[in-house]
């Protein structure tokens, strides 16, 4: 009796893991589309609009003199360097899908991917 319950639990957990993995893959590779532009904002104001199809590197002066280096390389964007204390923006990694963001809170710098298919967040009638 106890072995049957353990087998059922293992089957249930395995099924849930497979369903979650499939949902993750579908969302990341089918629903999310590659973006076209990296929009860099400081304190809510757009300072750069950079195409993802051209490699580039820009240094952004953030809020109260902070500095962030944004790099576009092979169609992806990442924060190469930041002089903020926690460096969470550097740890975000590379982004390239529509709607993804990198945020540096101490410097109020936001890098957001825009464009591409599926750019509509909502429709209002």
C-alpha atoms as a PDB file:
ATOM      1  CA  UNK A   1       0.000   0.000   0.000  1.00  0.00           C
ATOM      2  CA  UNK A   2       2.795   2.435   0.946  1.00  0.00           C
ATOM      3  CA  UNK A   3       4.773   1.668  -2.239  1.00  0.00           C
ATOM      4  CA  UNK A   4       1.751   2.438  -4.426  1.00  0.00           C
ATOM      5  CA  UNK A   5       1.395   5.840  -2.773  1.00  0.00           C
ATOM      6  CA  UNK A   6       5.072   6.625  -3.315  1.00  0.00           C
ATOM      7  CA  UNK A   7       4.824   5.601  -6.986  1.00  0.00           C
ATOM      8  CA  UNK A   8       1.773   7.835  -7.460  1.00  0.00           C
ATOM      9  CA  UNK A   9       3.559  10.746  -5.804  1.00  0.00           C
ATOM     10  CA  UNK A  10       6.598  10.292  -8.035  1.00  0.00           C
ATOM     11  CA  UNK A  11       4.379  10.101 -11.134  1.00  0.00           C
ATOM     12  CA  UNK A  12       2.498  13.244 -10.090  1.00  0.00           C
ATOM     13  CA  UNK A  13       5.687  15.202  -9.424  1.00  0.00           C
ATOM     14  CA  UNK A  14       7.223  13.997 -12.705  1.00  0.00           C
ATOM     15  CA  UNK A  15       4.117  15.038 -14.635  1.00  0.00           C
ATOM     16  CA  UNK A  16       4.119  18.493 -13.015  1.00  0.00           C
ATOM     17  CA  UNK A  17       7.802  18.986 -13.833  1.00  0.00           C
ATOM     18  CA  UNK A  18       7.226  18.022 -17.480  1.00  0.00           C
ATOM     19  CA  UNK A  19       4.217  20.349 -17.794  1.00  0.00           C
ATOM     20  CA  UNK A  20       6.123  23.257 -16.215  1.00  0.00           C
ATOM     21  CA  UNK A  21       9.157  22.691 -18.450  1.00  0.00           C
ATOM     22  CA  UNK A  22       6.947  22.562 -21.555  1.00  0.00           C
ATOM     23  CA  UNK A  23       5.176  25.799 -20.549  1.00  0.00           C
ATOM     24  CA  UNK A  24       8.523  27.498 -19.940  1.00  0.00           C
ATOM     25  CA  UNK A  25       9.857  26.444 -23.341  1.00  0.00           C
ATOM     26  CA  UNK A  26       6.690  27.474 -25.164  1.00  0.00           C
ATOM     27  CA  UNK A  27       6.641  30.907 -23.529  1.00  0.00           C
ATOM     28  CA  UNK A  28      10.330  31.596 -24.134  1.00  0.00           C
ATOM     29  CA  UNK A  29      10.635  30.274 -27.664  1.00  0.00           C
ATOM     30  CA  UNK A  30       7.177  30.655 -29.198  1.00  0.00           C
ATOM     31  CA  UNK A  31       5.336  33.487 -27.418  1.00  0.00           C
ATOM     32  CA  UNK A  32       8.207  35.915 -26.752  1.00  0.00           C
ATOM     33  CA  UNK A  33       9.570  37.443 -29.943  1.00  0.00           C
ATOM     34  CA  UNK A  34      12.995  38.921 -30.583  1.00  0.00           C
ATOM     35  CA  UNK A  35      13.078  42.674 -30.162  1.00  0.00           C
ATOM     36  CA  UNK A  36      14.421  45.264 -32.573  1.00  0.00           C
ATOM     37  CA  UNK A  37      15.550  48.152 -30.367  1.00  0.00           C
ATOM     38  CA  UNK A  38      17.124  48.641 -26.948  1.00  0.00           C
ATOM     39  CA  UNK A  39      15.642  51.720 -25.289  1.00  0.00           C
ATOM     40  CA  UNK A  40      17.853  53.177 -22.545  1.00  0.00           C
ATOM     41  CA  UNK A  41      16.142  55.460 -20.033  1.00  0.00           C
ATOM     42  CA  UNK A  42      17.522  57.467 -17.129  1.00  0.00           C
ATOM     43  CA  UNK A  43      14.999  58.594 -14.522  1.00  0.00           C
ATOM     44  CA  UNK A  44      12.196  57.866 -17.017  1.00  0.00           C
ATOM     45  CA  UNK A  45      13.684  59.903 -19.883  1.00  0.00           C
ATOM     46  CA  UNK A  46      14.880  58.181 -23.061  1.00  0.00           C
ATOM     47  CA  UNK A  47      18.601  58.826 -23.630  1.00  0.00           C
ATOM     48  CA  UNK A  48      19.368  56.188 -26.294  1.00  0.00           C
ATOM     49  CA  UNK A  49      17.452  54.065 -28.786  1.00  0.00           C
ATOM     50  CA  UNK A  50      19.913  51.481 -30.079  1.00  0.00           C
ATOM     51  CA  UNK A  51      19.213  48.928 -32.831  1.00  0.00           C
ATOM     52  CA  UNK A  52      19.974  45.347 -31.814  1.00  0.00           C
ATOM     53  CA  UNK A  53      21.364  44.450 -35.225  1.00  0.00           C
ATOM     54  CA  UNK A  54      24.473  46.636 -34.757  1.00  0.00           C
ATOM     55  CA  UNK A  55      27.102  46.021 -32.086  1.00  0.00           C
ATOM     56  CA  UNK A  56      27.600  49.037 -29.841  1.00  0.00           C
ATOM     57  CA  UNK A  57      28.751  50.130 -26.419  1.00  0.00           C
ATOM     58  CA  UNK A  58      27.550  53.271 -24.630  1.00  0.00           C
ATOM     59  CA  UNK A  59      28.287  54.735 -21.230  1.00  0.00           C
ATOM     60  CA  UNK A  60      25.178  56.093 -19.561  1.00  0.00           C
ATOM     61  CA  UNK A  61      25.396  58.766 -16.880  1.00  0.00           C
ATOM     62  CA  UNK A  62      22.763  57.744 -14.373  1.00  0.00           C
ATOM     63  CA  UNK A  63      20.962  59.599 -11.622  1.00  0.00           C
ATOM     64  CA  UNK A  64      23.296  61.646  -9.369  1.00  0.00           C
ATOM     65  CA  UNK A  65      26.404  60.897 -11.421  1.00  0.00           C
ATOM     66  CA  UNK A  66      26.379  57.119 -11.494  1.00  0.00           C
ATOM     67  CA  UNK A  67      27.805  55.375 -14.537  1.00  0.00           C
ATOM     68  CA  UNK A  68      26.617  52.282 -16.442  1.00  0.00           C
ATOM     69  CA  UNK A  69      28.075  50.692 -19.572  1.00  0.00           C
ATOM     70  CA  UNK A  70      25.461  49.139 -21.874  1.00  0.00           C
ATOM     71  CA  UNK A  71      26.715  46.755 -24.573  1.00  0.00           C
ATOM     72  CA  UNK A  72      24.891  45.420 -27.624  1.00  0.00           C
ATOM     73  CA  UNK A  73      26.559  42.344 -29.036  1.00  0.00           C
ATOM     74  CA  UNK A  74      25.236  39.766 -31.517  1.00  0.00           C
ATOM     75  CA  UNK A  75      21.628  40.896 -31.078  1.00  0.00           C
ATOM     76  CA  UNK A  76      21.665  40.859 -27.275  1.00  0.00           C
ATOM     77  CA  UNK A  77      22.006  43.610 -24.676  1.00  0.00           C
ATOM     78  CA  UNK A  78      23.737  43.435 -21.333  1.00  0.00           C
ATOM     79  CA  UNK A  79      25.094  45.750 -18.648  1.00  0.00           C
ATOM     80  CA  UNK A  80      28.854  45.316 -18.817  1.00  0.00           C
ATOM     81  CA  UNK A  81      29.778  47.619 -15.962  1.00  0.00           C
ATOM     82  CA  UNK A  82      28.058  49.688 -13.291  1.00  0.00           C
ATOM     83  CA  UNK A  83      29.512  51.572 -10.357  1.00  0.00           C
ATOM     84  CA  UNK A  84      26.495  50.900  -8.139  1.00  0.00           C
ATOM     85  CA  UNK A  85      27.090  48.986  -4.890  1.00  0.00           C
ATOM     86  CA  UNK A  86      25.000  45.854  -5.552  1.00  0.00           C
ATOM     87  CA  UNK A  87      25.680  45.352  -9.307  1.00  0.00           C
ATOM     88  CA  UNK A  88      22.376  43.499  -9.778  1.00  0.00           C
ATOM     89  CA  UNK A  89      22.044  45.023 -13.234  1.00  0.00           C
ATOM     90  CA  UNK A  90      25.263  43.302 -14.314  1.00  0.00           C
ATOM     91  CA  UNK A  91      24.006  39.991 -12.936  1.00  0.00           C
ATOM     92  CA  UNK A  92      20.783  40.199 -14.996  1.00  0.00           C
ATOM     93  CA  UNK A  93      22.655  38.848 -18.001  1.00  0.00           C
ATOM     94  CA  UNK A  94      21.875  39.199 -21.687  1.00  0.00           C
ATOM     95  CA  UNK A  95      18.405  40.075 -22.963  1.00  0.00           C
ATOM     96  CA  UNK A  96      16.934  40.155 -26.479  1.00  0.00           C
ATOM     97  CA  UNK A  97      13.211  39.361 -26.229  1.00  0.00           C
ATOM     98  CA  UNK A  98      10.472  41.954 -26.551  1.00  0.00           C
ATOM     99  CA  UNK A  99       9.559  43.398 -23.141  1.00  0.00           C
ATOM    100  CA  UNK A 100      12.628  42.186 -21.227  1.00  0.00           C
ATOM    101  CA  UNK A 101      14.402  44.755 -19.047  1.00  0.00           C
ATOM    102  CA  UNK A 102      17.601  45.414 -17.160  1.00  0.00           C
ATOM    103  CA  UNK A 103      17.204  47.824 -14.240  1.00  0.00           C
ATOM    104  CA  UNK A 104      19.816  49.651 -12.160  1.00  0.00           C
ATOM    105  CA  UNK A 105      17.840  51.151  -9.284  1.00  0.00           C
ATOM    106  CA  UNK A 106      20.569  53.267  -7.657  1.00  0.00           C
ATOM    107  CA  UNK A 107      21.258  55.052 -10.966  1.00  0.00           C
ATOM    108  CA  UNK A 108      17.638  54.904 -12.204  1.00  0.00           C
ATOM    109  CA  UNK A 109      18.774  53.359 -15.499  1.00  0.00           C
ATOM    110  CA  UNK A 110      16.392  51.057 -17.377  1.00  0.00           C
ATOM    111  CA  UNK A 111      17.218  49.165 -20.568  1.00  0.00           C
ATOM    112  CA  UNK A 112      14.129  47.753 -22.282  1.00  0.00           C
ATOM    113  CA  UNK A 113      13.789  45.695 -25.443  1.00  0.00           C
ATOM    114  CA  UNK A 114      11.079  46.961 -27.790  1.00  0.00           C
ATOM    115  CA  UNK A 115       9.790  46.284 -31.280  1.00  0.00           C
ATOM    116  CA  UNK A 116       9.308  43.098 -33.167  1.00  0.00           C
ATOM    117  CA  UNK A 117       6.099  41.138 -33.408  1.00  0.00           C
ATOM    118  CA  UNK A 118       3.715  41.037 -30.499  1.00  0.00           C
ATOM    119  CA  UNK A 119       4.586  44.505 -29.214  1.00  0.00           C
ATOM    120  CA  UNK A 120       0.986  45.175 -28.127  1.00  0.00           C
ATOM    121  CA  UNK A 121       0.525  44.971 -24.338  1.00  0.00           C
ATOM    122  CA  UNK A 122      -3.232  45.588 -24.359  1.00  0.00           C
ATOM    123  CA  UNK A 123      -6.102  46.748 -26.486  1.00  0.00           C
ATOM    124  CA  UNK A 124      -8.682  49.283 -25.377  1.00  0.00           C
ATOM    125  CA  UNK A 125     -11.959  49.810 -27.209  1.00  0.00           C
END
